[in-house]
PDB file of N, CA and C in Angstrom:
ATOM      1  N   MET A   1       3.607   9.161 -17.860  1.00  0.00           N
ATOM      2  CA  MET A   1       2.175   9.284 -17.602  1.00  0.00           C
ATOM      3  C   MET A   1       1.536  10.012 -18.773  1.00  0.00           C
ATOM      4  N   PRO A   2       0.472   9.470 -19.343  1.00  0.00           N
ATOM      5  CA  PRO A   2      -0.153  10.132 -20.494  1.00  0.00           C
ATOM      6  C   PRO A   2      -0.773  11.457 -20.095  1.00  0.00           C
ATOM      7  N   SER A   3      -0.708  12.419 -20.999  1.00  0.00           N
ATOM      8  CA  SER A   3      -1.329  13.706 -20.707  1.00  0.00           C
ATOM      9  C   SER A   3      -2.841  13.550 -20.730  1.00  0.00           C
ATOM     10  N   GLY A   4      -3.526  14.420 -19.979  1.00  0.00           N
ATOM     11  CA  GLY A   4      -4.980  14.335 -19.908  1.00  0.00           C
ATOM     12  C   GLY A   4      -5.461  13.217 -19.014  1.00  0.00           C
ATOM     13  N   ALA A   5      -4.621  12.762 -18.083  1.00  0.00           N
ATOM     14  CA  ALA A   5      -5.038  11.702 -17.162  1.00  0.00           C
ATOM     15  C   ALA A   5      -4.848  12.136 -15.712  1.00  0.00           C
ATOM     16  N   PRO A   6      -5.388  13.296 -15.349  1.00  0.00           N
ATOM     17  CA  PRO A   6      -5.218  13.730 -13.950  1.00  0.00           C
ATOM     18  C   PRO A   6      -5.931  12.804 -12.977  1.00  0.00           C
ATOM     19  N   LEU A   7      -7.036  12.196 -13.422  1.00  0.00           N
ATOM     20  CA  LEU A   7      -7.760  11.265 -12.552  1.00  0.00           C
ATOM     21  C   LEU A   7      -6.877  10.061 -12.227  1.00  0.00           C
ATOM     22  N   GLY A   8      -6.206   9.527 -13.242  1.00  0.00           N
ATOM     23  CA  GLY A   8      -5.310   8.397 -13.020  1.00  0.00           C
ATOM     24  C   GLY A   8      -4.203   8.752 -12.046  1.00  0.00           C
ATOM     25  N   ALA A   9      -3.635   9.950 -12.209  1.00  0.00           N
ATOM     26  CA  ALA A   9      -2.572  10.388 -11.306  1.00  0.00           C
ATOM     27  C   ALA A   9      -3.104  10.503  -9.882  1.00  0.00           C
ATOM     28  N   GLY A  10      -4.316  11.037  -9.740  1.00  0.00           N
ATOM     29  CA  GLY A  10      -4.912  11.160  -8.411  1.00  0.00           C
ATOM     30  C   GLY A  10      -5.126   9.810  -7.767  1.00  0.00           C
ATOM     31  N   VAL A  11      -5.579   8.838  -8.562  1.00  0.00           N
ATOM     32  CA  VAL A  11      -5.805   7.485  -8.036  1.00  0.00           C
ATOM     33  C   VAL A  11      -4.490   6.889  -7.563  1.00  0.00           C
ATOM     34  N   VAL A  12      -3.435   7.052  -8.354  1.00  0.00           N
ATOM     35  CA  VAL A  12      -2.125   6.513  -7.974  1.00  0.00           C
ATOM     36  C   VAL A  12      -1.660   7.143  -6.667  1.00  0.00           C
ATOM     37  N   VAL A  13      -1.820   8.461  -6.551  1.00  0.00           N
ATOM     38  CA  VAL A  13      -1.384   9.150  -5.329  1.00  0.00           C
ATOM     39  C   VAL A  13      -2.144   8.624  -4.120  1.00  0.00           C
ATOM     40  N   VAL A  14      -3.459   8.477  -4.263  1.00  0.00           N
ATOM     41  CA  VAL A  14      -4.278   7.985  -3.145  1.00  0.00           C
ATOM     42  C   VAL A  14      -3.849   6.575  -2.753  1.00  0.00           C
ATOM     43  N   VAL A  15      -3.657   5.705  -3.748  1.00  0.00           N
ATOM     44  CA  VAL A  15      -3.265   4.318  -3.458  1.00  0.00           C
ATOM     45  C   VAL A  15      -1.914   4.283  -2.758  1.00  0.00           C
ATOM     46  N   VAL A  16      -0.964   5.069  -3.256  1.00  0.00           N
ATOM     47  CA  VAL A  16       0.372   5.077  -2.653  1.00  0.00           C
ATOM     48  C   VAL A  16       0.302   5.575  -1.214  1.00  0.00           C
ATOM     49  N   VAL A  17      -0.470   6.641  -0.980  1.00  0.00           N
ATOM     50  CA  VAL A  17      -0.589   7.177   0.382  1.00  0.00           C
ATOM     51  C   VAL A  17      -1.203   6.137   1.315  1.00  0.00           C
ATOM     52  N   VAL A  18      -2.256   5.469   0.854  1.00  0.00           N
ATOM     53  CA  VAL A  18      -2.904   4.448   1.683  1.00  0.00           C
ATOM     54  C   VAL A  18      -1.923   3.329   2.013  1.00  0.00           C
ATOM     55  N   VAL A  19      -1.169   2.882   1.017  1.00  0.00           N
ATOM     56  CA  VAL A  19      -0.220   1.789   1.250  1.00  0.00           C
ATOM     57  C   VAL A  19       0.872   2.219   2.223  1.00  0.00           C
ATOM     58  N   VAL A  20       1.369   3.441   2.065  1.00  0.00           N
ATOM     59  CA  VAL A  20       2.409   3.925   2.982  1.00  0.00           C
ATOM     60  C   VAL A  20       1.873   3.965   4.410  1.00  0.00           C
ATOM     61  N   VAL A  21       0.651   4.473   4.574  1.00  0.00           N
ATOM     62  CA  VAL A  21       0.055   4.527   5.919  1.00  0.00           C
ATOM     63  C   VAL A  21      -0.091   3.119   6.494  1.00  0.00           C
ATOM     64  N   VAL A  22      -0.583   2.188   5.671  1.00  0.00           N
ATOM     65  CA  VAL A  22      -0.754   0.806   6.139  1.00  0.00           C
ATOM     66  C   VAL A  22       0.591   0.211   6.552  1.00  0.00           C
ATOM     67  N   LEU A  23       1.609   0.412   5.725  1.00  0.00           N
ATOM     68  CA  LEU A  23       2.916  -0.164   6.043  1.00  0.00           C
ATOM     69  C   LEU A  23       3.510   0.456   7.297  1.00  0.00           C
ATOM     70  N   VAL A  24       3.307   1.766   7.484  1.00  0.00           N
ATOM     71  CA  VAL A  24       3.803   2.418   8.705  1.00  0.00           C
ATOM     72  C   VAL A  24       3.079   1.861   9.926  1.00  0.00           C
ATOM     73  N   LEU A  25       1.752   1.720   9.817  1.00  0.00           N
ATOM     74  CA  LEU A  25       0.990   1.161  10.939  1.00  0.00           C
ATOM     75  C   LEU A  25       1.439  -0.267  11.238  1.00  0.00           C
ATOM     76  N   VAL A  26       1.632  -1.063  10.199  1.00  0.00           N
ATOM     77  CA  VAL A  26       2.095  -2.442  10.396  1.00  0.00           C
ATOM     78  C   VAL A  26       3.467  -2.441  11.061  1.00  0.00           C
ATOM     79  N   GLY A  27       4.332  -1.539  10.617  1.00  0.00           N
ATOM     80  CA  GLY A  27       5.658  -1.450  11.219  1.00  0.00           C
ATOM     81  C   GLY A  27       5.596  -1.093  12.690  1.00  0.00           C
ATOM     82  N   LEU A  28       4.744  -0.121  13.031  1.00  0.00           N
ATOM     83  CA  LEU A  28       4.605   0.273  14.430  1.00  0.00           C
ATOM     84  C   LEU A  28       3.990  -0.855  15.249  1.00  0.00           C
ATOM     85  N   LEU A  29       2.944  -1.486  14.710  1.00  0.00           N
ATOM     86  CA  LEU A  29       2.282  -2.564  15.444  1.00  0.00           C
ATOM     87  C   LEU A  29       3.213  -3.759  15.616  1.00  0.00           C
ATOM     88  N   SER A  30       4.064  -4.001  14.623  1.00  0.00           N
ATOM     89  CA  SER A  30       4.947  -5.167  14.708  1.00  0.00           C
ATOM     90  C   SER A  30       5.941  -5.022  15.856  1.00  0.00           C
ATOM     91  N   LEU A  31       6.179  -3.783  16.286  1.00  0.00           N
ATOM     92  CA  LEU A  31       7.054  -3.581  17.439  1.00  0.00           C
ATOM     93  C   LEU A  31       6.323  -3.877  18.749  1.00  0.00           C
ATOM     94  N   LEU A  32       4.984  -3.846  18.702  1.00  0.00           N
ATOM     95  CA  LEU A  32       4.200  -3.950  19.928  1.00  0.00           C
ATOM     96  C   LEU A  32       3.545  -5.309  20.121  1.00  0.00           C
ATOM     97  N   VAL A  33       3.229  -5.986  19.019  1.00  0.00           N
ATOM     98  CA  VAL A  33       2.430  -7.208  19.132  1.00  0.00           C
ATOM     99  C   VAL A  33       3.323  -8.439  19.026  1.00  0.00           C
ATOM    100  N   PRO A  34       2.869  -9.583  19.566  1.00  0.00           N
ATOM    101  CA  PRO A  34       3.645 -10.823  19.466  1.00  0.00           C
ATOM    102  C   PRO A  34       3.699 -11.357  18.037  1.00  0.00           C
ATOM    103  N   HIS A  35       4.536 -12.343  17.830  1.00  0.00           N
ATOM    104  CA  HIS A  35       4.864 -12.792  16.473  1.00  0.00           C
ATOM    105  C   HIS A  35       3.670 -13.282  15.654  1.00  0.00           C
ATOM    106  N   PRO A  36       2.755 -14.116  16.171  1.00  0.00           N
ATOM    107  CA  PRO A  36       1.651 -14.599  15.312  1.00  0.00           C
ATOM    108  C   PRO A  36       0.807 -13.459  14.762  1.00  0.00           C
ATOM    109  N   ALA A  37       0.521 -12.463  15.591  1.00  0.00           N
ATOM    110  CA  ALA A  37      -0.258 -11.316  15.127  1.00  0.00           C
ATOM    111  C   ALA A  37       0.543 -10.533  14.090  1.00  0.00           C
ATOM    112  N   ARG A  38       1.844 -10.439  14.292  1.00  0.00           N
ATOM    113  CA  ARG A  38       2.699  -9.736  13.337  1.00  0.00           C
ATOM    114  C   ARG A  38       2.639 -10.420  11.969  1.00  0.00           C
ATOM    115  N   ALA A  39       2.690 -11.747  11.963  1.00  0.00           N
ATOM    116  CA  ALA A  39       2.612 -12.489  10.703  1.00  0.00           C
ATOM    117  C   ALA A  39       1.273 -12.240  10.020  1.00  0.00           C
ATOM    118  N   ALA A  40       0.196 -12.197  10.813  1.00  0.00           N
ATOM    119  CA  ALA A  40      -1.124 -11.945  10.238  1.00  0.00           C
ATOM    120  C   ALA A  40      -1.187 -10.545   9.637  1.00  0.00           C
ATOM    121  N   LEU A  41      -0.613  -9.570  10.327  1.00  0.00           N
ATOM    122  CA  LEU A  41      -0.619  -8.203   9.805  1.00  0.00           C
ATOM    123  C   LEU A  41       0.166  -8.117   8.502  1.00  0.00           C
ATOM    124  N   LYS A  42       1.307  -8.788   8.445  1.00  0.00           N
ATOM    125  CA  LYS A  42       2.094  -8.771   7.210  1.00  0.00           C
ATOM    126  C   LYS A  42       1.317  -9.430   6.080  1.00  0.00           C
ATOM    127  N   ALA A  43       0.605 -10.513   6.385  1.00  0.00           N
ATOM    128  CA  ALA A  43      -0.186 -11.191   5.361  1.00  0.00           C
ATOM    129  C   ALA A  43      -1.296 -10.278   4.854  1.00  0.00           C
ATOM    130  N   MET A  44      -1.873  -9.468   5.742  1.00  0.00           N
ATOM    131  CA  MET A  44      -2.919  -8.538   5.328  1.00  0.00           C
ATOM    132  C   MET A  44      -2.334  -7.386   4.523  1.00  0.00           C
ATOM    133  N   ALA A  45      -1.144  -6.940   4.874  1.00  0.00           N
ATOM    134  CA  ALA A  45      -0.551  -5.794   4.193  1.00  0.00           C
ATOM    135  C   ALA A  45      -0.038  -6.174   2.807  1.00  0.00           C
ATOM    136  N   HIS A  46       0.363  -7.428   2.631  1.00  0.00           N
ATOM    137  CA  HIS A  46       0.983  -7.820   1.361  1.00  0.00           C
ATOM    138  C   HIS A  46       0.063  -7.646   0.155  1.00  0.00           C
ATOM    139  N   PRO A  47      -1.206  -8.101   0.208  1.00  0.00           N
ATOM    140  CA  PRO A  47      -2.073  -7.888  -0.966  1.00  0.00           C
ATOM    141  C   PRO A  47      -2.263  -6.413  -1.285  1.00  0.00           C
ATOM    142  N   ALA A  48      -2.332  -5.570  -0.260  1.00  0.00           N
ATOM    143  CA  ALA A  48      -2.488  -4.135  -0.506  1.00  0.00           C
ATOM    144  C   ALA A  48      -1.269  -3.593  -1.243  1.00  0.00           C
ATOM    145  N   LYS A  49      -0.092  -4.019  -0.838  1.00  0.00           N
ATOM    146  CA  LYS A  49       1.134  -3.567  -1.499  1.00  0.00           C
ATOM    147  C   LYS A  49       1.183  -4.082  -2.933  1.00  0.00           C
ATOM    148  N   THR A  50       0.819  -5.334  -3.131  1.00  0.00           N
ATOM    149  CA  THR A  50       0.809  -5.901  -4.480  1.00  0.00           C
ATOM    150  C   THR A  50      -0.168  -5.147  -5.368  1.00  0.00           C
ATOM    151  N   LEU A  51      -1.355  -4.858  -4.839  1.00  0.00           N
ATOM    152  CA  LEU A  51      -2.361  -4.113  -5.596  1.00  0.00           C
ATOM    153  C   LEU A  51      -1.840  -2.732  -5.955  1.00  0.00           C
ATOM    154  N   ALA A  52      -1.170  -2.083  -5.025  1.00  0.00           N
ATOM    155  CA  ALA A  52      -0.621  -0.755  -5.300  1.00  0.00           C
ATOM    156  C   ALA A  52       0.447  -0.834  -6.383  1.00  0.00           C
ATOM    157  N   ASP A  53       1.315  -1.824  -6.307  1.00  0.00           N
ATOM    158  CA  ASP A  53       2.352  -1.990  -7.330  1.00  0.00           C
ATOM    159  C   ASP A  53       1.726  -2.171  -8.707  1.00  0.00           C
ATOM    160  N   LEU A  54       0.699  -3.007  -8.792  1.00  0.00           N
ATOM    161  CA  LEU A  54       0.030  -3.236 -10.071  1.00  0.00           C
ATOM    162  C   LEU A  54      -0.622  -1.958 -10.570  1.00  0.00           C
ATOM    163  N   THR A  55      -1.273  -1.219  -9.672  1.00  0.00           N
ATOM    164  CA  THR A  55      -1.938   0.026 -10.062  1.00  0.00           C
ATOM    165  C   THR A  55      -0.925   1.017 -10.599  1.00  0.00           C
ATOM    166  N   VAL A  56       0.197   1.139  -9.917  1.00  0.00           N
ATOM    167  CA  VAL A  56       1.234   2.078 -10.365  1.00  0.00           C
ATOM    168  C   VAL A  56       1.750   1.665 -11.736  1.00  0.00           C
ATOM    169  N   ARG A  57       1.966   0.370 -11.944  1.00  0.00           N
ATOM    170  CA  ARG A  57       2.474  -0.091 -13.243  1.00  0.00           C
ATOM    171  C   ARG A  57       1.473   0.187 -14.353  1.00  0.00           C
ATOM    172  N   VAL A  58       0.177   0.038 -14.057  1.00  0.00           N
ATOM    173  CA  VAL A  58      -0.847   0.267 -15.077  1.00  0.00           C
ATOM    174  C   VAL A  58      -0.846   1.727 -15.503  1.00  0.00           C
ATOM    175  N   PHE A  59      -0.711   2.640 -14.548  1.00  0.00           N
ATOM    176  CA  PHE A  59      -0.843   4.063 -14.859  1.00  0.00           C
ATOM    177  C   PHE A  59       0.449   4.680 -15.367  1.00  0.00           C
ATOM    178  N   ILE A  60       1.581   4.044 -15.133  1.00  0.00           N
ATOM    179  CA  ILE A  60       2.853   4.636 -15.592  1.00  0.00           C
ATOM    180  C   ILE A  60       3.126   4.194 -17.028  1.00  0.00           C
TER     181      ILE A  60
END
């Protein structure tokens, strides 16, 4: 991580926390909801995870 980029580090932390929360919620919901809804939730979570991966790669 380049020095003098605390804002970038903060953004990465926020994105990672949001993605972890989303994935945990999806995991919990997938235990409770039927399969079609589970597939929809996974489809919604996937772009968020991809975006987080890209963001992390950009800042590292």
